[in-house]
C-alpha cells in the first residue's frame, strides 16, 4: 500500500519534534487573543470526524512555522529548572 496523501496530527507533530497534543495546543492558542494569533499554526485542510489532516504538500510550510517558534520567548510551558533546583 502507498503512503497516505495527507498528514494526521501525529505526522504533523513529528515535523516539529513535538507530541500530537502539543499541535492541538498550538492550534488552540492560535485563535483570536491567543499568543500565536499573529502567526497562527497552519489550519488543517480538512477534518475526518473530529481528526484534522493536512496535505503532504504543506510539510515545508509547517516545518517553517515550527522553526519560527523556536525563536519566540515567553510562549510555551514552564521554564526549565536549572541543575540543583528541586
PDB file of N, CA and C in Angstrom:
ATOM      1  N   UNK A   1       0.825  -1.181   0.000  1.00  0.00           N
ATOM      2  CA  UNK A   1       0.000   0.000   0.000  1.00  0.00           C
ATOM      3  C   UNK A   1       0.874   1.251   0.000  1.00  0.00           C
ATOM      4  N   UNK A   2       0.472   2.299  -0.678  1.00  0.00           N
ATOM      5  CA  UNK A   2       1.256   3.521  -0.760  1.00  0.00           C
ATOM      6  C   UNK A   2       1.066   4.421   0.444  1.00  0.00           C
ATOM      7  N   UNK A   3       1.837   5.473   0.455  1.00  0.00           N
ATOM      8  CA  UNK A   3       1.771   6.456   1.532  1.00  0.00           C
ATOM      9  C   UNK A   3       0.479   7.266   1.412  1.00  0.00           C
ATOM     10  N   UNK A   4      -0.106   7.590   2.561  1.00  0.00           N
ATOM     11  CA  UNK A   4      -1.326   8.399   2.561  1.00  0.00           C
ATOM     12  C   UNK A   4      -1.015   9.784   1.995  1.00  0.00           C
ATOM     13  N   UNK A   5      -1.951  10.388   1.261  1.00  0.00           N
ATOM     14  CA  UNK A   5      -1.714  11.712   0.670  1.00  0.00           C
ATOM     15  C   UNK A   5      -1.908  12.856   1.668  1.00  0.00           C
ATOM     16  N   UNK A   6      -1.978  12.523   2.937  1.00  0.00           N
ATOM     17  CA  UNK A   6      -2.209  13.543   3.952  1.00  0.00           C
ATOM     18  C   UNK A   6      -1.432  13.207   5.213  1.00  0.00           C
ATOM     19  N   UNK A   7      -1.351  14.187   6.117  1.00  0.00           N
ATOM     20  CA  UNK A   7      -0.697  14.010   7.418  1.00  0.00           C
ATOM     21  C   UNK A   7      -1.737  14.194   8.500  1.00  0.00           C
ATOM     22  N   UNK A   8      -1.747  13.294   9.464  1.00  0.00           N
ATOM     23  CA  UNK A   8      -2.609  13.466  10.630  1.00  0.00           C
ATOM     24  C   UNK A   8      -1.839  14.278  11.671  1.00  0.00           C
ATOM     25  N   UNK A   9      -2.447  14.510  12.808  1.00  0.00           N
ATOM     26  CA  UNK A   9      -1.817  15.334  13.839  1.00  0.00           C
ATOM     27  C   UNK A   9      -0.486  14.741  14.292  1.00  0.00           C
ATOM     28  N   UNK A  10      -0.417  13.432  14.394  1.00  0.00           N
ATOM     29  CA  UNK A  10       0.827  12.782  14.825  1.00  0.00           C
ATOM     30  C   UNK A  10       1.945  13.022  13.814  1.00  0.00           C
ATOM     31  N   UNK A  11       1.638  12.932  12.532  1.00  0.00           N
ATOM     32  CA  UNK A  11       2.637  13.164  11.492  1.00  0.00           C
ATOM     33  C   UNK A  11       3.084  14.627  11.470  1.00  0.00           C
ATOM     34  N   UNK A  12       2.143  15.538  11.661  1.00  0.00           N
ATOM     35  CA  UNK A  12       2.475  16.962  11.711  1.00  0.00           C
ATOM     36  C   UNK A  12       3.357  17.242  12.928  1.00  0.00           C
ATOM     37  N   UNK A  13       3.039  16.636  14.049  1.00  0.00           N
ATOM     38  CA  UNK A  13       3.838  16.815  15.261  1.00  0.00           C
ATOM     39  C   UNK A  13       5.277  16.355  15.033  1.00  0.00           C
ATOM     40  N   UNK A  14       5.444  15.253  14.321  1.00  0.00           N
ATOM     41  CA  UNK A  14       6.784  14.734  14.052  1.00  0.00           C
ATOM     42  C   UNK A  14       7.631  15.734  13.266  1.00  0.00           C
ATOM     43  N   UNK A  15       6.997  16.541  12.416  1.00  0.00           N
ATOM     44  CA  UNK A  15       7.733  17.558  11.655  1.00  0.00           C
ATOM     45  C   UNK A  15       8.404  18.578  12.575  1.00  0.00           C
ATOM     46  N   UNK A  16       7.776  18.816  13.725  1.00  0.00           N
ATOM     47  CA  UNK A  16       8.330  19.785  14.667  1.00  0.00           C
ATOM     48  C   UNK A  16       8.999  19.164  15.870  1.00  0.00           C
ATOM     49  N   UNK A  17       9.034  17.829  15.908  1.00  0.00           N
ATOM     50  CA  UNK A  17       9.663  17.156  17.031  1.00  0.00           C
ATOM     51  C   UNK A  17       8.892  17.319  18.329  1.00  0.00           C
ATOM     52  N   UNK A  18       7.562  17.408  18.224  1.00  0.00           N
ATOM     53  CA  UNK A  18       6.714  17.582  19.399  1.00  0.00           C
ATOM     54  C   UNK A  18       5.677  16.464  19.462  1.00  0.00           C
ATOM     55  N   UNK A  19       4.920  16.423  20.538  1.00  0.00           N
ATOM     56  CA  UNK A  19       3.843  15.458  20.703  1.00  0.00           C
ATOM     57  C   UNK A  19       2.597  15.942  19.951  1.00  0.00           C
ATOM     58  N   UNK A  20       1.726  15.019  19.611  1.00  0.00           N
ATOM     59  CA  UNK A  20       0.476  15.376  18.930  1.00  0.00           C
ATOM     60  C   UNK A  20      -0.352  16.335  19.780  1.00  0.00           C
ATOM     61  N   UNK A  21      -0.350  16.153  21.091  1.00  0.00           N
ATOM     62  CA  UNK A  21      -1.108  17.044  21.978  1.00  0.00           C
ATOM     63  C   UNK A  21      -0.585  18.475  21.903  1.00  0.00           C
ATOM     64  N   UNK A  22       0.701  18.621  21.625  1.00  0.00           N
ATOM     65  CA  UNK A  22       1.289  19.963  21.501  1.00  0.00           C
ATOM     66  C   UNK A  22       0.734  20.667  20.270  1.00  0.00           C
ATOM     67  N   UNK A  23       0.558  19.943  19.175  1.00  0.00           N
ATOM     68  CA  UNK A  23      -0.032  20.527  17.967  1.00  0.00           C
ATOM     69  C   UNK A  23      -1.443  21.013  18.286  1.00  0.00           C
ATOM     70  N   UNK A  24      -2.188  20.229  19.021  1.00  0.00           N
ATOM     71  CA  UNK A  24      -3.541  20.639  19.411  1.00  0.00           C
ATOM     72  C   UNK A  24      -3.507  21.919  20.238  1.00  0.00           C
ATOM     73  N   UNK A  25      -2.537  22.035  21.136  1.00  0.00           N
ATOM     74  CA  UNK A  25      -2.400  23.263  21.947  1.00  0.00           C
ATOM     75  C   UNK A  25      -2.018  24.451  21.067  1.00  0.00           C
ATOM     76  N   UNK A  26      -1.096  24.240  20.126  1.00  0.00           N
ATOM     77  CA  UNK A  26      -0.709  25.323  19.220  1.00  0.00           C
ATOM     78  C   UNK A  26      -1.923  25.813  18.437  1.00  0.00           C
ATOM     79  N   UNK A  27      -2.743  24.887  17.976  1.00  0.00           N
ATOM     80  CA  UNK A  27      -3.944  25.280  17.229  1.00  0.00           C
ATOM     81  C   UNK A  27      -4.897  26.066  18.115  1.00  0.00           C
ATOM     82  N   UNK A  28      -5.077  25.635  19.339  1.00  0.00           N
ATOM     83  CA  UNK A  28      -5.961  26.331  20.274  1.00  0.00           C
ATOM     84  C   UNK A  28      -5.426  27.731  20.582  1.00  0.00           C
ATOM     85  N   UNK A  29      -4.123  27.839  20.778  1.00  0.00           N
ATOM     86  CA  UNK A  29      -3.502  29.122  21.121  1.00  0.00           C
ATOM     87  C   UNK A  29      -3.368  30.050  19.912  1.00  0.00           C
ATOM     88  N   UNK A  30      -3.685  29.542  18.722  1.00  0.00           N
ATOM     89  CA  UNK A  30      -3.639  30.361  17.506  1.00  0.00           C
ATOM     90  C   UNK A  30      -4.933  31.130  17.285  1.00  0.00           C
ATOM     91  N   UNK A  31      -5.935  30.864  18.084  1.00  0.00           N
ATOM     92  CA  UNK A  31      -7.212  31.563  17.950  1.00  0.00           C
ATOM     93  C   UNK A  31      -7.093  33.000  18.430  1.00  0.00           C
ATOM     94  N   UNK A  32      -8.082  33.799  18.112  1.00  0.00           N
ATOM     95  CA  UNK A  32      -8.102  35.208  18.483  1.00  0.00           C
ATOM     96  C   UNK A  32      -7.813  35.388  19.975  1.00  0.00           C
ATOM     97  N   UNK A  33      -6.867  36.259  20.270  1.00  0.00           N
ATOM     98  CA  UNK A  33      -6.492  36.537  21.656  1.00  0.00           C
ATOM     99  C   UNK A  33      -5.410  35.630  22.194  1.00  0.00           C
ATOM    100  N   UNK A  34      -5.035  34.596  21.450  1.00  0.00           N
ATOM    101  CA  UNK A  34      -4.007  33.665  21.907  1.00  0.00           C
ATOM    102  C   UNK A  34      -2.610  34.160  21.563  1.00  0.00           C
ATOM    103  N   UNK A  35      -1.595  33.555  22.175  1.00  0.00           N
ATOM    104  CA  UNK A  35      -0.213  34.004  21.946  1.00  0.00           C
ATOM    105  C   UNK A  35       0.296  33.782  20.525  1.00  0.00           C
ATOM    106  N   UNK A  36      -0.348  32.910  19.758  1.00  0.00           N
ATOM    107  CA  UNK A  36       0.066  32.668  18.371  1.00  0.00           C
ATOM    108  C   UNK A  36      -0.861  33.347  17.367  1.00  0.00           C
ATOM    109  N   UNK A  37      -1.698  34.238  17.838  1.00  0.00           N
ATOM    110  CA  UNK A  37      -2.674  34.900  16.956  1.00  0.00           C
ATOM    111  C   UNK A  37      -2.003  35.599  15.777  1.00  0.00           C
ATOM    112  N   UNK A  38      -0.847  36.223  16.000  1.00  0.00           N
ATOM    113  CA  UNK A  38      -0.192  36.968  14.924  1.00  0.00           C
ATOM    114  C   UNK A  38       0.529  36.053  13.930  1.00  0.00           C
ATOM    115  N   UNK A  39       0.798  34.825  14.313  1.00  0.00           N
ATOM    116  CA  UNK A  39       1.426  33.832  13.436  1.00  0.00           C
ATOM    117  C   UNK A  39       0.794  32.483  13.766  1.00  0.00           C
ATOM    118  N   UNK A  40      -0.460  32.290  13.352  1.00  0.00           N
ATOM    119  CA  UNK A  40      -1.191  31.089  13.749  1.00  0.00           C
ATOM    120  C   UNK A  40      -0.638  29.808  13.127  1.00  0.00           C
ATOM    121  N   UNK A  41      -0.857  28.720  13.829  1.00  0.00           N
ATOM    122  CA  UNK A  41      -0.480  27.409  13.312  1.00  0.00           C
ATOM    123  C   UNK A  41      -1.273  27.165  12.029  1.00  0.00           C
ATOM    124  N   UNK A  42      -0.647  26.579  11.005  1.00  0.00           N
ATOM    125  CA  UNK A  42      -1.361  26.335   9.742  1.00  0.00           C
ATOM    126  C   UNK A  42      -2.648  25.532   9.948  1.00  0.00           C
ATOM    127  N   UNK A  43      -3.715  26.065   9.426  1.00  0.00           N
ATOM    128  CA  UNK A  43      -5.022  25.409   9.530  1.00  0.00           C
ATOM    129  C   UNK A  43      -4.999  24.088   8.765  1.00  0.00           C
ATOM    130  N   UNK A  44      -5.696  23.088   9.271  1.00  0.00           N
ATOM    131  CA  UNK A  44      -5.770  21.828   8.532  1.00  0.00           C
ATOM    132  C   UNK A  44      -6.552  22.005   7.230  1.00  0.00           C
ATOM    133  N   UNK A  45      -6.305  21.100   6.312  1.00  0.00           N
ATOM    134  CA  UNK A  45      -7.008  21.132   5.033  1.00  0.00           C
ATOM    135  C   UNK A  45      -8.378  20.480   5.122  1.00  0.00           C
ATOM    136  N   UNK A  46      -8.587  19.723   6.156  1.00  0.00           N
ATOM    137  CA  UNK A  46      -9.868  19.070   6.339  1.00  0.00           C
ATOM    138  C   UNK A  46      -9.931  18.388   7.686  1.00  0.00           C
ATOM    139  N   UNK A  47     -11.089  17.826   7.953  1.00  0.00           N
ATOM    140  CA  UNK A  47     -11.311  17.109   9.206  1.00  0.00           C
ATOM    141  C   UNK A  47     -12.049  15.824   8.867  1.00  0.00           C
ATOM    142  N   UNK A  48     -11.573  14.728   9.396  1.00  0.00           N
ATOM    143  CA  UNK A  48     -12.231  13.439   9.231  1.00  0.00           C
ATOM    144  C   UNK A  48     -12.850  13.094  10.580  1.00  0.00           C
ATOM    145  N   UNK A  49     -14.144  13.274  10.706  1.00  0.00           N
ATOM    146  CA  UNK A  49     -14.778  13.148  12.019  1.00  0.00           C
ATOM    147  C   UNK A  49     -14.343  14.335  12.857  1.00  0.00           C
ATOM    148  N   UNK A  50     -13.589  14.070  13.897  1.00  0.00           N
ATOM    149  CA  UNK A  50     -13.036  15.171  14.697  1.00  0.00           C
ATOM    150  C   UNK A  50     -11.523  15.292  14.538  1.00  0.00           C
ATOM    151  N   UNK A  51     -10.947  14.523  13.620  1.00  0.00           N
ATOM    152  CA  UNK A  51      -9.498  14.477  13.451  1.00  0.00           C
ATOM    153  C   UNK A  51      -9.048  15.333  12.264  1.00  0.00           C
ATOM    154  N   UNK A  52      -8.234  16.357  12.522  1.00  0.00           N
ATOM    155  CA  UNK A  52      -7.745  17.213  11.431  1.00  0.00           C
ATOM    156  C   UNK A  52      -6.679  16.507  10.595  1.00  0.00           C
ATOM    157  N   UNK A  53      -6.552  16.953   9.336  1.00  0.00           N
ATOM    158  CA  UNK A  53      -5.500  16.455   8.466  1.00  0.00           C
ATOM    159  C   UNK A  53      -4.996  17.581   7.573  1.00  0.00           C
ATOM    160  N   UNK A  54      -3.729  17.453   7.147  1.00  0.00           N
ATOM    161  CA  UNK A  54      -3.065  18.432   6.296  1.00  0.00           C
ATOM    162  C   UNK A  54      -2.515  17.707   5.076  1.00  0.00           C
ATOM    163  N   UNK A  55      -2.550  18.362   3.908  1.00  0.00           N
ATOM    164  CA  UNK A  55      -1.967  17.796   2.689  1.00  0.00           C
ATOM    165  C   UNK A  55      -0.462  17.648   2.859  1.00  0.00           C
ATOM    166  N   UNK A  56       0.081  16.573   2.304  1.00  0.00           N
ATOM    167  CA  UNK A  56       1.532  16.352   2.364  1.00  0.00           C
ATOM    168  C   UNK A  56       2.306  17.525   1.763  1.00  0.00           C
ATOM    169  N   UNK A  57       1.724  18.170   0.775  1.00  0.00           N
ATOM    170  CA  UNK A  57       2.403  19.276   0.098  1.00  0.00           C
ATOM    171  C   UNK A  57       2.667  20.460   1.032  1.00  0.00           C
ATOM    172  N   UNK A  58       2.062  20.468   2.221  1.00  0.00           N
ATOM    173  CA  UNK A  58       2.233  21.590   3.150  1.00  0.00           C
ATOM    174  C   UNK A  58       3.289  21.316   4.218  1.00  0.00           C
ATOM    175  N   UNK A  59       4.011  20.218   4.096  1.00  0.00           N
ATOM    176  CA  UNK A  59       5.010  19.854   5.108  1.00  0.00           C
ATOM    177  C   UNK A  59       6.037  20.967   5.321  1.00  0.00           C
ATOM    178  N   UNK A  60       6.530  21.556   4.245  1.00  0.00           N
ATOM    179  CA  UNK A  60       7.545  22.615   4.393  1.00  0.00           C
ATOM    180  C   UNK A  60       6.967  23.836   5.102  1.00  0.00           C
ATOM    181  N   UNK A  61       5.754  24.218   4.774  1.00  0.00           N
ATOM    182  CA  UNK A  61       5.079  25.346   5.445  1.00  0.00           C
ATOM    183  C   UNK A  61       5.000  25.091   6.952  1.00  0.00           C
ATOM    184  N   UNK A  62       4.677  23.875   7.326  1.00  0.00           N
ATOM    185  CA  UNK A  62       4.540  23.529   8.739  1.00  0.00           C
ATOM    186  C   UNK A  62       5.905  23.506   9.421  1.00  0.00           C
ATOM    187  N   UNK A  63       6.922  22.958   8.741  1.00  0.00           N
ATOM    188  CA  UNK A  63       8.295  22.984   9.294  1.00  0.00           C
ATOM    189  C   UNK A  63       8.750  24.422   9.533  1.00  0.00           C
ATOM    190  N   UNK A  64       8.448  25.302   8.580  1.00  0.00           N
ATOM    191  CA  UNK A  64       8.835  26.713   8.725  1.00  0.00           C
ATOM    192  C   UNK A  64       8.140  27.344   9.923  1.00  0.00           C
ATOM    193  N   UNK A  65       6.877  27.000  10.159  1.00  0.00           N
ATOM    194  CA  UNK A  65       6.164  27.540  11.318  1.00  0.00           C
ATOM    195  C   UNK A  65       6.859  27.096  12.597  1.00  0.00           C
ATOM    196  N   UNK A  66       7.192  25.820  12.708  1.00  0.00           N
ATOM    197  CA  UNK A  66       7.891  25.328  13.888  1.00  0.00           C
ATOM    198  C   UNK A  66       9.222  26.048  14.071  1.00  0.00           C
ATOM    199  N   UNK A  67       9.954  26.273  12.980  1.00  0.00           N
ATOM    200  CA  UNK A  67      11.251  26.951  13.055  1.00  0.00           C
ATOM    201  C   UNK A  67      11.092  28.373  13.581  1.00  0.00           C
ATOM    202  N   UNK A  68      10.057  29.071  13.133  1.00  0.00           N
ATOM    203  CA  UNK A  68       9.834  30.445  13.629  1.00  0.00           C
ATOM    204  C   UNK A  68       9.554  30.458  15.126  1.00  0.00           C
ATOM    205  N   UNK A  69       8.894  29.444  15.623  1.00  0.00           N
ATOM    206  CA  UNK A  69       8.524  29.429  17.035  1.00  0.00           C
ATOM    207  C   UNK A  69       9.718  29.166  17.933  1.00  0.00           C
ATOM    208  N   UNK A  70      10.761  28.558  17.414  1.00  0.00           N
ATOM    209  CA  UNK A  70      11.957  28.310  18.211  1.00  0.00           C
ATOM    210  C   UNK A  70      12.597  29.616  18.652  1.00  0.00           C
ATOM    211  N   UNK A  71      12.364  30.687  17.907  1.00  0.00           N
ATOM    212  CA  UNK A  71      12.947  31.992  18.229  1.00  0.00           C
ATOM    213  C   UNK A  71      12.092  32.805  19.189  1.00  0.00           C
ATOM    214  N   UNK A  72      10.880  32.327  19.467  1.00  0.00           N
ATOM    215  CA  UNK A  72       9.986  33.060  20.360  1.00  0.00           C
ATOM    216  C   UNK A  72      10.379  32.818  21.806  1.00  0.00           C
ATOM    217  N   UNK A  73      10.197  33.830  22.628  1.00  0.00           N
ATOM    218  CA  UNK A  73      10.431  33.633  24.054  1.00  0.00           C
ATOM    219  C   UNK A  73       9.166  34.009  24.797  1.00  0.00           C
ATOM    220  N   UNK A  74       8.993  33.446  25.950  1.00  0.00           N
ATOM    221  CA  UNK A  74       7.832  33.767  26.760  1.00  0.00           C
ATOM    222  C   UNK A  74       6.564  33.065  26.345  1.00  0.00           C
ATOM    223  N   UNK A  75       6.634  32.146  25.408  1.00  0.00           N
ATOM    224  CA  UNK A  75       5.458  31.401  24.986  1.00  0.00           C
ATOM    225  C   UNK A  75       5.766  29.928  25.166  1.00  0.00           C
ATOM    226  N   UNK A  76       4.879  29.244  25.790  1.00  0.00           N
ATOM    227  CA  UNK A  76       5.085  27.814  25.975  1.00  0.00           C
ATOM    228  C   UNK A  76       4.891  27.414  27.411  1.00  0.00           C
ATOM    229  N   UNK A  77       5.548  26.384  27.788  1.00  0.00           N
ATOM    230  CA  UNK A  77       5.399  25.819  29.123  1.00  0.00           C
ATOM    231  C   UNK A  77       6.244  26.519  30.165  1.00  0.00           C
ATOM    232  N   UNK A  78       6.416  25.841  31.252  1.00  0.00           N
ATOM    233  CA  UNK A  78       7.220  26.369  32.350  1.00  0.00           C
ATOM    234  C   UNK A  78       8.683  26.428  31.946  1.00  0.00           C
ATOM    235  N   UNK A  79       9.416  27.387  32.531  1.00  0.00           N
ATOM    236  CA  UNK A  79      10.864  27.413  32.269  1.00  0.00           C
ATOM    237  C   UNK A  79      11.510  26.158  32.844  1.00  0.00           C
ATOM    238  N   UNK A  80      12.588  25.727  32.216  1.00  0.00           N
ATOM    239  CA  UNK A  80      13.302  24.562  32.715  1.00  0.00           C
ATOM    240  C   UNK A  80      13.987  24.898  34.037  1.00  0.00           C
ATOM    241  N   UNK A  81      14.034  23.903  34.904  1.00  0.00           N
ATOM    242  CA  UNK A  81      14.748  24.076  36.163  1.00  0.00           C
ATOM    243  C   UNK A  81      16.226  23.926  35.885  1.00  0.00           C
ATOM    244  N   UNK A  82      17.024  24.781  36.528  1.00  0.00           N
ATOM    245  CA  UNK A  82      18.467  24.636  36.364  1.00  0.00           C
ATOM    246  C   UNK A  82      18.962  23.570  37.331  1.00  0.00           C
ATOM    247  N   UNK A  83      20.136  23.068  37.091  1.00  0.00           N
ATOM    248  CA  UNK A  83      20.705  21.993  37.924  1.00  0.00           C
ATOM    249  C   UNK A  83      20.736  22.431  39.390  1.00  0.00           C
ATOM    250  N   UNK A  84      20.379  21.524  40.250  1.00  0.00           N
ATOM    251  CA  UNK A  84      20.416  21.804  41.688  1.00  0.00           C
ATOM    252  C   UNK A  84      19.119  22.306  42.255  1.00  0.00           C
ATOM    253  N   UNK A  85      18.142  22.638  41.394  1.00  0.00           N
ATOM    254  CA  UNK A  85      16.845  23.092  41.894  1.00  0.00           C
ATOM    255  C   UNK A  85      15.926  21.888  42.012  1.00  0.00           C
ATOM    256  N   UNK A  86      15.093  21.886  43.018  1.00  0.00           N
ATOM    257  CA  UNK A  86      14.235  20.752  43.259  1.00  0.00           C
ATOM    258  C   UNK A  86      12.903  20.918  42.731  1.00  0.00           C
TER     259      UNK A  86
END
